[in-house]
C-alpha atoms as a PDB file:
ATOM      1  CA  MET A   1       9.477   7.390   3.080  1.00  0.00           C
ATOM      2  CA  PRO A   2       8.055   5.825   5.985  1.00  0.00           C
ATOM      3  CA  ALA A   3       9.729   2.578   7.294  1.00  0.00           C
ATOM      4  CA  ARG A   4       7.620  -0.501   8.267  1.00  0.00           C
ATOM      5  CA  GLY A   5       7.622   0.501  11.877  1.00  0.00           C
ATOM      6  CA  ASP A   6       6.277   3.969  10.867  1.00  0.00           C
ATOM      7  CA  ILE A   7       3.503   2.413   8.740  1.00  0.00           C
ATOM      8  CA  PHE A   8       2.777   0.112  11.644  1.00  0.00           C
ATOM      9  CA  ALA A   9       2.609   2.801  14.353  1.00  0.00           C
ATOM     10  CA  TYR A  10       0.304   4.821  11.998  1.00  0.00           C
ATOM     11  CA  VAL A  11      -2.252   1.991  11.407  1.00  0.00           C
ATOM     12  CA  ARG A  12      -2.156   1.049  15.130  1.00  0.00           C
ATOM     13  CA  GLU A  13      -3.005   4.728  15.999  1.00  0.00           C
ATOM     14  CA  LYS A  14      -5.615   5.541  13.278  1.00  0.00           C
ATOM     15  CA  PHE A  15      -7.238   1.993  12.850  1.00  0.00           C
ATOM     16  CA  GLY A  16      -6.330  -0.048  16.111  1.00  0.00           C
ATOM     17  CA  THR A  17      -4.843  -2.868  13.848  1.00  0.00           C
ATOM     18  CA  GLU A  18      -1.784  -4.644  14.122  1.00  0.00           C
ATOM     19  CA  PRO A  19       0.255  -6.434  11.327  1.00  0.00           C
ATOM     20  CA  GLU A  20      -0.243  -9.999  11.037  1.00  0.00           C
ATOM     21  CA  TYR A  21       2.177 -12.602   9.251  1.00  0.00           C
ATOM     22  CA  PRO A  22       0.047 -15.282   7.974  1.00  0.00           C
ATOM     23  CA  TRP A  23       2.614 -17.336   5.720  1.00  0.00           C
ATOM     24  CA  THR A  24       5.339 -19.365   7.320  1.00  0.00           C
ATOM     25  CA  ARG A  25       6.904 -19.451   4.015  1.00  0.00           C
ATOM     26  CA  TYR A  26       7.153 -15.514   3.645  1.00  0.00           C
ATOM     27  CA  PRO A  27       7.724 -14.290   7.380  1.00  0.00           C
ATOM     28  CA  HIS A  28       8.387 -10.760   6.252  1.00  0.00           C
ATOM     29  CA  TYR A  29       4.941 -10.365   4.704  1.00  0.00           C
ATOM     30  CA  ALA A  30       2.649  -8.254   6.755  1.00  0.00           C
ATOM     31  CA  VAL A  31      -1.174  -8.262   6.256  1.00  0.00           C
ATOM     32  CA  LEU A  32      -3.058  -5.197   7.469  1.00  0.00           C
ATOM     33  CA  ARG A  33      -6.707  -6.054   8.117  1.00  0.00           C
ATOM     34  CA  HIS A  34      -9.695  -4.540   9.459  1.00  0.00           C
ATOM     35  CA  ARG A  35     -10.515  -5.490  12.924  1.00  0.00           C
ATOM     36  CA  GLN A  36     -14.121  -6.172  12.026  1.00  0.00           C
ATOM     37  CA  GLY A  37     -14.569  -8.604   8.936  1.00  0.00           C
ATOM     38  CA  ARG A  38     -11.005  -9.195   8.634  1.00  0.00           C
ATOM     39  CA  LYS A  39     -10.873  -7.824   5.277  1.00  0.00           C
ATOM     40  CA  TRP A  40      -7.293  -6.715   4.045  1.00  0.00           C
ATOM     41  CA  TYR A  41      -6.516  -3.060   3.308  1.00  0.00           C
ATOM     42  CA  GLY A  42      -2.861  -3.480   2.883  1.00  0.00           C
ATOM     43  CA  LEU A  43      -0.015  -5.966   2.356  1.00  0.00           C
ATOM     44  CA  ILE A  44       3.534  -5.153   2.961  1.00  0.00           C
ATOM     45  CA  MET A  45       6.145  -7.734   1.232  1.00  0.00           C
ATOM     46  CA  ASP A  46       9.633  -7.602  -0.252  1.00  0.00           C
ATOM     47  CA  VAL A  47       9.824  -8.930  -3.767  1.00  0.00           C
ATOM     48  CA  PRO A  48      12.355  -9.060  -6.400  1.00  0.00           C
ATOM     49  CA  GLY A  49      12.401  -6.008  -8.334  1.00  0.00           C
ATOM     50  CA  ASN A  50      12.333  -7.608 -11.680  1.00  0.00           C
ATOM     51  CA  ARG A  51       8.726  -8.995 -10.705  1.00  0.00           C
ATOM     52  CA  LEU A  52       7.787  -5.372 -10.729  1.00  0.00           C
ATOM     53  CA  GLY A  53       9.640  -4.338 -14.004  1.00  0.00           C
ATOM     54  CA  LEU A  54      12.402  -2.684 -12.102  1.00  0.00           C
ATOM     55  CA  ASP A  55      16.130  -3.290 -13.052  1.00  0.00           C
ATOM     56  CA  GLY A  56      17.803  -6.006 -10.947  1.00  0.00           C
ATOM     57  CA  ASP A  57      16.527  -8.899  -8.941  1.00  0.00           C
ATOM     58  CA  GLY A  58      17.362  -7.729  -5.483  1.00  0.00           C
ATOM     59  CA  PRO A  59      14.606  -7.503  -3.138  1.00  0.00           C
ATOM     60  CA  VAL A  60      12.373  -4.285  -2.714  1.00  0.00           C
ATOM     61  CA  GLU A  61       9.872  -3.462  -0.066  1.00  0.00           C
ATOM     62  CA  ILE A  62       6.420  -2.530  -1.317  1.00  0.00           C
ATOM     63  CA  ILE A  63       2.870  -1.835   0.206  1.00  0.00           C
ATOM     64  CA  ASN A  64      -0.155  -2.924  -1.834  1.00  0.00           C
ATOM     65  CA  LEU A  65      -3.042  -0.604  -1.366  1.00  0.00           C
ATOM     66  CA  LYS A  66      -6.560  -0.350  -2.868  1.00  0.00           C
ATOM     67  CA  SER A  67      -7.235   3.078  -4.528  1.00  0.00           C
ATOM     68  CA  ASP A  68     -10.170   4.429  -6.530  1.00  0.00           C
ATOM     69  CA  GLY A  69      -7.594   6.743  -8.525  1.00  0.00           C
ATOM     70  CA  VAL A  70      -5.167   3.657  -9.760  1.00  0.00           C
ATOM     71  CA  LEU A  71      -5.192   4.676 -13.095  1.00  0.00           C
ATOM     72  CA  ASP A  72      -4.491   8.440 -12.365  1.00  0.00           C
ATOM     73  CA  LEU A  73      -1.754   7.492  -9.930  1.00  0.00           C
ATOM     74  CA  LEU A  74      -0.131   5.217 -12.569  1.00  0.00           C
ATOM     75  CA  ILE A  75      -0.504   7.851 -15.601  1.00  0.00           C
ATOM     76  CA  SER A  76       0.870  10.707 -13.433  1.00  0.00           C
ATOM     77  CA  GLY A  77       4.233   8.777 -13.448  1.00  0.00           C
ATOM     78  CA  THR A  78       4.909   9.356  -9.596  1.00  0.00           C
ATOM     79  CA  PRO A  79       8.073   7.558  -8.750  1.00  0.00           C
ATOM     80  CA  GLY A  80       7.589   4.698  -6.822  1.00  0.00           C
ATOM     81  CA  ILE A  81       3.953   3.947  -7.597  1.00  0.00           C
ATOM     82  CA  LEU A  82       3.344   0.667  -9.728  1.00  0.00           C
ATOM     83  CA  PRO A  83       0.778  -1.945 -10.857  1.00  0.00           C
ATOM     84  CA  ALA A  84      -0.082  -3.981  -8.120  1.00  0.00           C
ATOM     85  CA  TYR A  85       1.977  -7.057  -7.493  1.00  0.00           C
ATOM     86  CA  HIS A  86      -0.116 -10.024  -7.077  1.00  0.00           C
ATOM     87  CA  MET A  87      -3.432  -8.086  -6.895  1.00  0.00           C
ATOM     88  CA  ASP A  88      -6.254  -6.850  -9.170  1.00  0.00           C
ATOM     89  CA  LYS A  89      -4.295  -4.088 -11.075  1.00  0.00           C
ATOM     90  CA  ARG A  90      -7.689  -2.119 -11.913  1.00  0.00           C
ATOM     91  CA  HIS A  91      -8.011  -1.486  -7.972  1.00  0.00           C
ATOM     92  CA  TRP A  92      -4.659  -1.906  -6.213  1.00  0.00           C
ATOM     93  CA  VAL A  93      -1.344  -0.353  -6.476  1.00  0.00           C
ATOM     94  CA  SER A  94       2.220  -1.340  -5.422  1.00  0.00           C
ATOM     95  CA  ILE A  95       3.987   1.463  -3.619  1.00  0.00           C
ATOM     96  CA  LEU A  96       7.944   1.281  -3.221  1.00  0.00           C
ATOM     97  CA  LEU A  97       8.605   1.832   0.476  1.00  0.00           C
ATOM     98  CA  ASP A  98      11.973   3.677  -0.773  1.00  0.00           C
ATOM     99  CA  GLY A  99      10.247   5.425  -3.599  1.00  0.00           C
ATOM    100  CA  GLY A 100       9.274   8.873  -4.379  1.00  0.00           C
ATOM    101  CA  ILE A 101       6.038   9.813  -2.483  1.00  0.00           C
ATOM    102  CA  THR A 102       6.076  11.569   0.758  1.00  0.00           C
ATOM    103  CA  PRO A 103       4.854  10.047   4.210  1.00  0.00           C
ATOM    104  CA  GLY A 104       1.705  12.318   4.005  1.00  0.00           C
ATOM    105  CA  GLU A 105       0.781  10.976   0.603  1.00  0.00           C
ATOM    106  CA  LEU A 106       1.490   7.263   1.588  1.00  0.00           C
ATOM    107  CA  PHE A 107      -0.711   7.741   4.788  1.00  0.00           C
ATOM    108  CA  ALA A 108      -3.752   9.090   2.803  1.00  0.00           C
ATOM    109  CA  LEU A 109      -3.351   6.360   0.527  1.00  0.00           C
ATOM    110  CA  ILE A 110      -3.466   3.873   3.340  1.00  0.00           C
ATOM    111  CA  ASP A 111      -6.652   5.668   4.655  1.00  0.00           C
ATOM    112  CA  GLU A 112      -8.384   5.492   1.304  1.00  0.00           C
ATOM    113  CA  SER A 113      -7.624   1.759   1.075  1.00  0.00           C
ATOM    114  CA  HIS A 114      -8.895   1.451   4.552  1.00  0.00           C
ATOM    115  CA  ALA A 115     -11.918   3.208   3.627  1.00  0.00           C
ATOM    116  CA  LEU A 116     -12.643   1.296   0.298  1.00  0.00           C
ATOM    117  CA  THR A 117     -12.122  -2.120   1.775  1.00  0.00           C
ATOM    118  CA  GLY A 118     -14.925  -1.690   4.504  1.00  0.00           C
ATOM    119  CA  GLY A 119     -13.590   0.785   6.997  1.00  0.00           C
ATOM    120  CA  GLY A 120     -16.143   3.544   6.292  1.00  0.00           C
ATOM    121  CA  ARG A 121     -15.946   5.421   2.846  1.00  0.00           C
ATOM    122  CA  THR A 122     -14.491   8.592   2.746  1.00  0.00           C
ATOM    123  CA  GLY A 123     -14.294   9.115  -1.018  1.00  0.00           C
ATOM    124  CA  PRO A 124     -11.692   8.943  -3.616  1.00  0.00           C
ATOM    125  CA  LEU A 125      -8.235  10.354  -3.322  1.00  0.00           C
ATOM    126  CA  ARG A 126      -8.378  12.043  -6.477  1.00  0.00           C
ATOM    127  CA  GLY A 127      -8.930  15.868  -6.128  1.00  0.00           C
ATOM    128  CA  ARG A 128      -7.998  15.533  -2.216  1.00  0.00           C
ATOM    129  CA  MET A 129      -4.344  15.504  -2.334  1.00  0.00           C
ATOM    130  CA  PRO A 130      -2.184  15.852  -5.589  1.00  0.00           C
ATOM    131  CA  LEU A 131       0.736  13.633  -5.976  1.00  0.00           C
ATOM    132  CA  ALA A 132       3.851  15.549  -6.681  1.00  0.00           C
END
């Protein structure tokens, strides 16, 4: 699974965006925004695992992304994909950065989130790349 730095390098190269850290109370929370329009397409944060329905209260690092295939992703039972933390659970998912999806799958979901939030629609992820 890619680390924060890998994700930041990917979005910098692909979309020309840099992470922003808007909250002094949460200095590790990184927002990924469109360069034009400033709309979010991702949020990386660390939250207590029990807030996500996981065992334990130690922090886990997640990225929230918008997806057309939220229900499909959740029903598939893919390890590391959960209902979104602090976002609309009908349209967003939380992905554990130490979870079970591959870097390619994660980057495809980032691309989809970017498209769905105003970066040029490329169509839903469903049918383009199966999650194992």
